[in-house]
Amino acid sequence: MDYRIELIGIPVSDVDKAKAFYADQVGFHVDHDHQVNENLRFVQLTPPGSACSICFGTGIVDDLPVGSVKSVTLVVDDADAAHDELASRGVAVTPVDDQPWGRFVFFSDPDGNTFALQQLPSR
């Protein structure tokens, strides 16, 4: 039996602002944006090369406080290149942090949900 994580809910305050941030600045692909009814809007975006997506909207993750997601990690081949790409798109990123278990870059969305980019160490 395989168990795959394929969708992570992200609590946001403004769906359109979040969609623009993740699509236009971070570079995620917009998979879906459906207004099901006045109480339900589903937006799903996928990072390039990922099998796991994020989702947010109206009526999606309303039980989580806005900005409460703090530990989503995206693995990248080159932390320096990822840092430079995001910075060039206007994303506020931290300097590359070198650790024995990888090289990291961190950023937050407009609501304070935080993401880590991890370049795995050579094995």
N, C-alpha and C. Protein backbone atom coordinates (compact mmCIF):
# COMPACT_ATOMS: atom_id res chain seq x y z
N MET A 1 0.85 -1.17 0.00
CA MET A 1 0.00 0.00 0.00
C MET A 1 0.90 1.24 0.00
N ASP A 2 0.73 2.11 -0.98
CA ASP A 2 1.44 3.39 -1.02
C ASP A 2 0.60 4.45 -0.34
N TYR A 3 1.26 5.34 0.36
CA TYR A 3 0.61 6.50 0.97
C TYR A 3 1.33 7.73 0.46
N ARG A 4 0.67 8.53 -0.34
CA ARG A 4 1.30 9.69 -0.95
C ARG A 4 0.67 10.96 -0.42
N ILE A 5 1.50 11.89 -0.01
CA ILE A 5 0.99 13.22 0.33
C ILE A 5 0.91 13.99 -0.98
N GLU A 6 -0.29 14.42 -1.33
CA GLU A 6 -0.47 15.08 -2.62
C GLU A 6 -1.15 16.43 -2.52
N LEU A 7 -1.67 16.81 -1.34
CA LEU A 7 -2.36 18.09 -1.23
C LEU A 7 -2.25 18.60 0.20
N ILE A 8 -1.79 19.84 0.33
CA ILE A 8 -1.63 20.47 1.64
C ILE A 8 -2.46 21.75 1.65
N GLY A 9 -3.37 21.86 2.61
CA GLY A 9 -4.20 23.05 2.75
C GLY A 9 -3.43 24.17 3.42
N ILE A 10 -3.55 25.37 2.86
CA ILE A 10 -2.86 26.55 3.38
C ILE A 10 -3.92 27.60 3.72
N PRO A 11 -4.01 28.02 4.98
CA PRO A 11 -5.02 29.02 5.35
C PRO A 11 -4.57 30.43 4.98
N VAL A 12 -5.39 31.12 4.17
CA VAL A 12 -5.06 32.46 3.71
C VAL A 12 -6.23 33.41 3.96
N SER A 13 -5.93 34.69 4.03
CA SER A 13 -6.97 35.68 4.28
C SER A 13 -7.60 36.22 3.00
N ASP A 14 -6.85 36.24 1.90
CA ASP A 14 -7.31 36.80 0.64
C ASP A 14 -6.93 35.82 -0.47
N VAL A 15 -7.92 35.14 -1.01
CA VAL A 15 -7.67 34.08 -1.99
C VAL A 15 -6.98 34.62 -3.24
N ASP A 16 -7.44 35.73 -3.76
CA ASP A 16 -6.85 36.28 -4.99
C ASP A 16 -5.42 36.74 -4.76
N LYS A 17 -5.16 37.37 -3.62
CA LYS A 17 -3.79 37.81 -3.30
C LYS A 17 -2.87 36.61 -3.14
N ALA A 18 -3.34 35.57 -2.47
CA ALA A 18 -2.53 34.36 -2.29
C ALA A 18 -2.28 33.68 -3.63
N LYS A 19 -3.29 33.59 -4.48
CA LYS A 19 -3.13 32.97 -5.79
C LYS A 19 -2.09 33.74 -6.60
N ALA A 20 -2.14 35.05 -6.60
CA ALA A 20 -1.17 35.86 -7.33
C ALA A 20 0.24 35.65 -6.78
N PHE A 21 0.38 35.60 -5.46
CA PHE A 21 1.69 35.40 -4.84
C PHE A 21 2.28 34.06 -5.27
N TYR A 22 1.53 32.98 -5.09
CA TYR A 22 2.06 31.66 -5.38
C TYR A 22 2.28 31.44 -6.88
N ALA A 23 1.41 31.96 -7.71
CA ALA A 23 1.54 31.76 -9.16
C ALA A 23 2.55 32.72 -9.77
N ASP A 24 2.39 34.01 -9.53
CA ASP A 24 3.19 35.02 -10.22
C ASP A 24 4.58 35.22 -9.60
N GLN A 25 4.67 35.13 -8.29
CA GLN A 25 5.96 35.37 -7.64
C GLN A 25 6.73 34.09 -7.37
N VAL A 26 6.08 33.10 -6.78
CA VAL A 26 6.77 31.86 -6.43
C VAL A 26 6.89 30.94 -7.65
N GLY A 27 5.98 31.04 -8.60
CA GLY A 27 6.07 30.26 -9.82
C GLY A 27 5.34 28.93 -9.82
N PHE A 28 4.39 28.75 -8.90
CA PHE A 28 3.61 27.53 -8.89
C PHE A 28 2.61 27.56 -10.05
N HIS A 29 2.27 26.38 -10.57
CA HIS A 29 1.30 26.24 -11.65
C HIS A 29 -0.11 26.22 -11.06
N VAL A 30 -1.03 27.00 -11.64
CA VAL A 30 -2.42 26.99 -11.19
C VAL A 30 -3.13 25.81 -11.85
N ASP A 31 -3.51 24.83 -11.03
CA ASP A 31 -4.20 23.64 -11.52
C ASP A 31 -5.71 23.84 -11.59
N HIS A 32 -6.25 24.44 -10.55
CA HIS A 32 -7.70 24.64 -10.46
C HIS A 32 -8.00 25.96 -9.77
N ASP A 33 -9.07 26.59 -10.20
CA ASP A 33 -9.67 27.72 -9.49
C ASP A 33 -11.16 27.65 -9.79
N HIS A 34 -11.88 27.01 -8.89
CA HIS A 34 -13.31 26.78 -9.12
C HIS A 34 -14.14 27.42 -8.01
N GLN A 35 -15.09 28.25 -8.41
CA GLN A 35 -16.07 28.80 -7.49
C GLN A 35 -17.26 27.86 -7.54
N VAL A 36 -17.37 26.97 -6.58
CA VAL A 36 -18.41 25.95 -6.57
C VAL A 36 -19.76 26.57 -6.24
N ASN A 37 -19.77 27.42 -5.21
CA ASN A 37 -20.96 28.19 -4.84
C ASN A 37 -20.46 29.39 -4.04
N GLU A 38 -21.36 30.19 -3.49
CA GLU A 38 -20.92 31.40 -2.78
C GLU A 38 -20.11 31.11 -1.53
N ASN A 39 -20.18 29.89 -1.01
CA ASN A 39 -19.45 29.52 0.20
C ASN A 39 -18.25 28.62 -0.04
N LEU A 40 -18.00 28.27 -1.30
CA LEU A 40 -16.93 27.32 -1.58
C LEU A 40 -16.19 27.70 -2.87
N ARG A 41 -14.92 28.04 -2.70
CA ARG A 41 -14.01 28.28 -3.82
C ARG A 41 -12.76 27.45 -3.57
N PHE A 42 -12.35 26.68 -4.57
CA PHE A 42 -11.21 25.78 -4.44
C PHE A 42 -10.12 26.20 -5.42
N VAL A 43 -8.94 26.55 -4.87
CA VAL A 43 -7.78 26.90 -5.68
C VAL A 43 -6.67 25.91 -5.36
N GLN A 44 -6.09 25.30 -6.39
CA GLN A 44 -4.99 24.34 -6.21
C GLN A 44 -3.84 24.75 -7.11
N LEU A 45 -2.63 24.77 -6.53
CA LEU A 45 -1.41 25.11 -7.27
C LEU A 45 -0.34 24.07 -6.97
N THR A 46 0.53 23.83 -7.97
CA THR A 46 1.58 22.83 -7.82
C THR A 46 2.93 23.44 -8.12
N PRO A 47 3.91 23.23 -7.22
CA PRO A 47 5.27 23.68 -7.50
C PRO A 47 5.83 22.94 -8.72
N PRO A 48 6.67 23.59 -9.52
CA PRO A 48 7.26 22.90 -10.67
C PRO A 48 7.98 21.62 -10.23
N GLY A 49 7.69 20.52 -10.91
CA GLY A 49 8.36 19.26 -10.63
C GLY A 49 7.82 18.48 -9.44
N SER A 50 6.77 18.98 -8.79
CA SER A 50 6.27 18.33 -7.58
C SER A 50 5.07 17.44 -7.85
N ALA A 51 4.94 16.38 -7.08
CA ALA A 51 3.74 15.54 -7.10
C ALA A 51 2.75 15.99 -6.03
N CYS A 52 3.15 16.94 -5.20
CA CYS A 52 2.30 17.45 -4.12
C CYS A 52 1.92 18.90 -4.42
N SER A 53 0.67 19.22 -4.19
CA SER A 53 0.14 20.56 -4.44
C SER A 53 -0.28 21.22 -3.14
N ILE A 54 -0.57 22.51 -3.23
CA ILE A 54 -1.19 23.23 -2.11
C ILE A 54 -2.58 23.65 -2.56
N CYS A 55 -3.45 23.88 -1.59
CA CYS A 55 -4.79 24.37 -1.91
C CYS A 55 -5.21 25.38 -0.85
N PHE A 56 -6.07 26.27 -1.26
CA PHE A 56 -6.69 27.24 -0.37
C PHE A 56 -7.95 27.73 -1.05
N GLY A 57 -8.68 28.56 -0.38
CA GLY A 57 -9.89 29.11 -0.97
C GLY A 57 -10.87 29.52 0.10
N THR A 58 -12.12 29.55 -0.27
CA THR A 58 -13.20 29.86 0.65
C THR A 58 -13.86 28.54 1.03
N GLY A 59 -13.96 28.27 2.33
CA GLY A 59 -14.56 27.03 2.78
C GLY A 59 -13.64 25.82 2.66
N ILE A 60 -12.35 26.04 2.52
CA ILE A 60 -11.41 24.94 2.32
C ILE A 60 -10.69 24.57 3.62
N VAL A 61 -9.95 25.48 4.20
CA VAL A 61 -9.22 25.21 5.45
C VAL A 61 -9.60 26.26 6.50
N ASP A 62 -10.89 26.52 6.60
CA ASP A 62 -11.38 27.55 7.51
C ASP A 62 -11.16 27.22 8.98
N ASP A 63 -10.85 25.96 9.29
CA ASP A 63 -10.63 25.57 10.67
C ASP A 63 -9.21 25.86 11.15
N LEU A 64 -8.32 26.30 10.25
CA LEU A 64 -6.94 26.65 10.62
C LEU A 64 -6.79 28.16 10.66
N PRO A 65 -6.07 28.68 11.66
CA PRO A 65 -5.84 30.12 11.69
C PRO A 65 -4.99 30.56 10.49
N VAL A 66 -5.32 31.70 9.92
CA VAL A 66 -4.56 32.26 8.81
C VAL A 66 -3.10 32.39 9.22
N GLY A 67 -2.20 31.93 8.37
CA GLY A 67 -0.77 32.03 8.63
C GLY A 67 -0.21 30.98 9.56
N SER A 68 -0.96 29.94 9.87
CA SER A 68 -0.53 28.96 10.87
C SER A 68 0.33 27.82 10.32
N VAL A 69 0.46 27.70 9.00
CA VAL A 69 1.28 26.62 8.44
C VAL A 69 2.73 27.08 8.47
N LYS A 70 3.58 26.30 9.13
CA LYS A 70 4.95 26.75 9.38
C LYS A 70 6.04 25.80 8.92
N SER A 71 5.71 24.71 8.28
CA SER A 71 6.79 23.75 8.04
C SER A 71 6.69 23.00 6.72
N VAL A 72 6.20 23.62 5.68
CA VAL A 72 6.18 22.95 4.38
C VAL A 72 7.58 23.07 3.77
N THR A 73 8.17 21.94 3.39
CA THR A 73 9.51 21.93 2.83
C THR A 73 9.45 21.47 1.39
N LEU A 74 10.09 22.24 0.52
CA LEU A 74 10.23 21.88 -0.89
C LEU A 74 11.69 21.56 -1.13
N VAL A 75 11.98 20.43 -1.73
CA VAL A 75 13.35 20.02 -2.00
C VAL A 75 13.76 20.58 -3.36
N VAL A 76 14.93 21.19 -3.41
CA VAL A 76 15.47 21.77 -4.64
C VAL A 76 16.86 21.21 -4.90
N ASP A 77 17.29 21.26 -6.15
CA ASP A 77 18.62 20.78 -6.50
C ASP A 77 19.71 21.77 -6.12
N ASP A 78 19.38 23.06 -6.13
CA ASP A 78 20.38 24.11 -5.92
C ASP A 78 19.76 25.24 -5.10
N ALA A 79 20.14 25.33 -3.84
CA ALA A 79 19.57 26.34 -2.94
C ALA A 79 19.93 27.75 -3.40
N ASP A 80 21.14 27.94 -3.91
CA ASP A 80 21.54 29.27 -4.37
C ASP A 80 20.70 29.72 -5.56
N ALA A 81 20.50 28.82 -6.52
CA ALA A 81 19.69 29.15 -7.69
C ALA A 81 18.24 29.42 -7.31
N ALA A 82 17.70 28.61 -6.40
CA ALA A 82 16.32 28.81 -5.94
C ALA A 82 16.20 30.15 -5.23
N HIS A 83 17.16 30.46 -4.39
CA HIS A 83 17.18 31.75 -3.69
C HIS A 83 17.15 32.90 -4.70
N ASP A 84 18.05 32.84 -5.67
CA ASP A 84 18.16 33.92 -6.65
C ASP A 84 16.91 34.05 -7.51
N GLU A 85 16.32 32.92 -7.89
CA GLU A 85 15.10 32.96 -8.71
C GLU A 85 13.95 33.62 -7.95
N LEU A 86 13.73 33.17 -6.70
CA LEU A 86 12.64 33.76 -5.92
C LEU A 86 12.89 35.23 -5.63
N ALA A 87 14.12 35.58 -5.27
CA ALA A 87 14.44 36.99 -5.00
C ALA A 87 14.19 37.85 -6.24
N SER A 88 14.52 37.33 -7.42
CA SER A 88 14.31 38.10 -8.65
C SER A 88 12.83 38.30 -8.96
N ARG A 89 11.98 37.45 -8.39
CA ARG A 89 10.53 37.57 -8.57
C ARG A 89 9.88 38.40 -7.47
N GLY A 90 10.69 38.96 -6.58
CA GLY A 90 10.17 39.82 -5.52
C GLY A 90 9.77 39.11 -4.25
N VAL A 91 10.15 37.85 -4.10
CA VAL A 91 9.85 37.11 -2.87
C VAL A 91 10.94 37.40 -1.85
N ALA A 92 10.55 37.78 -0.65
CA ALA A 92 11.52 38.01 0.43
C ALA A 92 12.01 36.66 0.93
N VAL A 93 13.27 36.35 0.65
CA VAL A 93 13.86 35.08 1.04
C VAL A 93 15.02 35.33 1.99
N THR A 94 15.29 34.34 2.82
CA THR A 94 16.44 34.43 3.72
C THR A 94 17.70 34.10 2.94
N PRO A 95 18.86 34.48 3.47
CA PRO A 95 20.10 33.97 2.87
C PRO A 95 20.14 32.45 2.99
N VAL A 96 20.95 31.82 2.16
CA VAL A 96 21.10 30.36 2.24
C VAL A 96 21.73 30.00 3.58
N ASP A 97 21.11 29.06 4.27
CA ASP A 97 21.56 28.60 5.58
C ASP A 97 22.16 27.21 5.42
N ASP A 98 23.47 27.09 5.61
CA ASP A 98 24.16 25.80 5.47
C ASP A 98 24.12 25.03 6.78
N GLN A 99 23.58 23.81 6.71
CA GLN A 99 23.50 22.91 7.86
C GLN A 99 24.05 21.55 7.43
N PRO A 100 24.45 20.71 8.37
CA PRO A 100 24.94 19.38 8.01
C PRO A 100 23.89 18.54 7.27
N TRP A 101 22.61 18.80 7.47
CA TRP A 101 21.53 18.01 6.87
C TRP A 101 20.93 18.69 5.64
N GLY A 102 21.60 19.76 5.16
CA GLY A 102 21.14 20.40 3.94
C GLY A 102 21.38 21.89 3.94
N ARG A 103 21.09 22.49 2.81
CA ARG A 103 21.19 23.94 2.64
C ARG A 103 19.76 24.46 2.50
N PHE A 104 19.42 25.52 3.23
CA PHE A 104 18.03 25.96 3.34
C PHE A 104 17.86 27.42 2.96
N VAL A 105 16.70 27.69 2.37
CA VAL A 105 16.23 29.04 2.11
C VAL A 105 14.79 29.08 2.61
N PHE A 106 14.41 30.15 3.29
CA PHE A 106 13.06 30.25 3.85
C PHE A 106 12.34 31.46 3.26
N PHE A 107 11.01 31.33 3.12
CA PHE A 107 10.18 32.47 2.73
C PHE A 107 8.80 32.29 3.33
N SER A 108 8.07 33.40 3.38
CA SER A 108 6.70 33.38 3.89
C SER A 108 5.76 33.96 2.85
N ASP A 109 4.51 33.50 2.87
CA ASP A 109 3.51 34.10 2.00
C ASP A 109 2.98 35.37 2.68
N PRO A 110 2.11 36.12 2.02
CA PRO A 110 1.61 37.38 2.60
C PRO A 110 0.90 37.22 3.95
N ASP A 111 0.44 36.01 4.26
CA ASP A 111 -0.27 35.77 5.53
C ASP A 111 0.64 35.21 6.63
N GLY A 112 1.89 34.91 6.31
CA GLY A 112 2.81 34.40 7.32
C GLY A 112 2.98 32.89 7.32
N ASN A 113 2.35 32.17 6.39
CA ASN A 113 2.63 30.74 6.25
C ASN A 113 4.06 30.63 5.74
N THR A 114 4.87 29.75 6.35
CA THR A 114 6.28 29.70 5.98
C THR A 114 6.64 28.41 5.25
N PHE A 115 7.60 28.56 4.36
CA PHE A 115 8.09 27.47 3.53
C PHE A 115 9.60 27.41 3.62
N ALA A 116 10.14 26.21 3.54
CA ALA A 116 11.58 26.00 3.49
C ALA A 116 11.90 25.36 2.15
N LEU A 117 12.99 25.80 1.55
CA LEU A 117 13.56 25.13 0.39
C LEU A 117 14.79 24.42 0.90
N GLN A 118 14.92 23.14 0.63
CA GLN A 118 16.04 22.36 1.13
C GLN A 118 16.80 21.72 -0.03
N GLN A 119 18.09 22.00 -0.08
CA GLN A 119 18.98 21.26 -0.97
C GLN A 119 19.59 20.16 -0.12
N LEU A 120 19.32 18.91 -0.47
CA LEU A 120 19.81 17.79 0.33
C LEU A 120 21.32 17.68 0.21
N PRO A 121 21.99 17.22 1.26
CA PRO A 121 23.45 17.06 1.19
C PRO A 121 23.80 15.90 0.26
N SER A 122 25.01 15.91 -0.23
CA SER A 122 25.49 14.81 -1.06
C SER A 122 25.50 13.54 -0.23
N ARG A 123 25.16 12.45 -0.84
CA ARG A 123 25.12 11.18 -0.11
C ARG A 123 26.26 10.29 -0.52
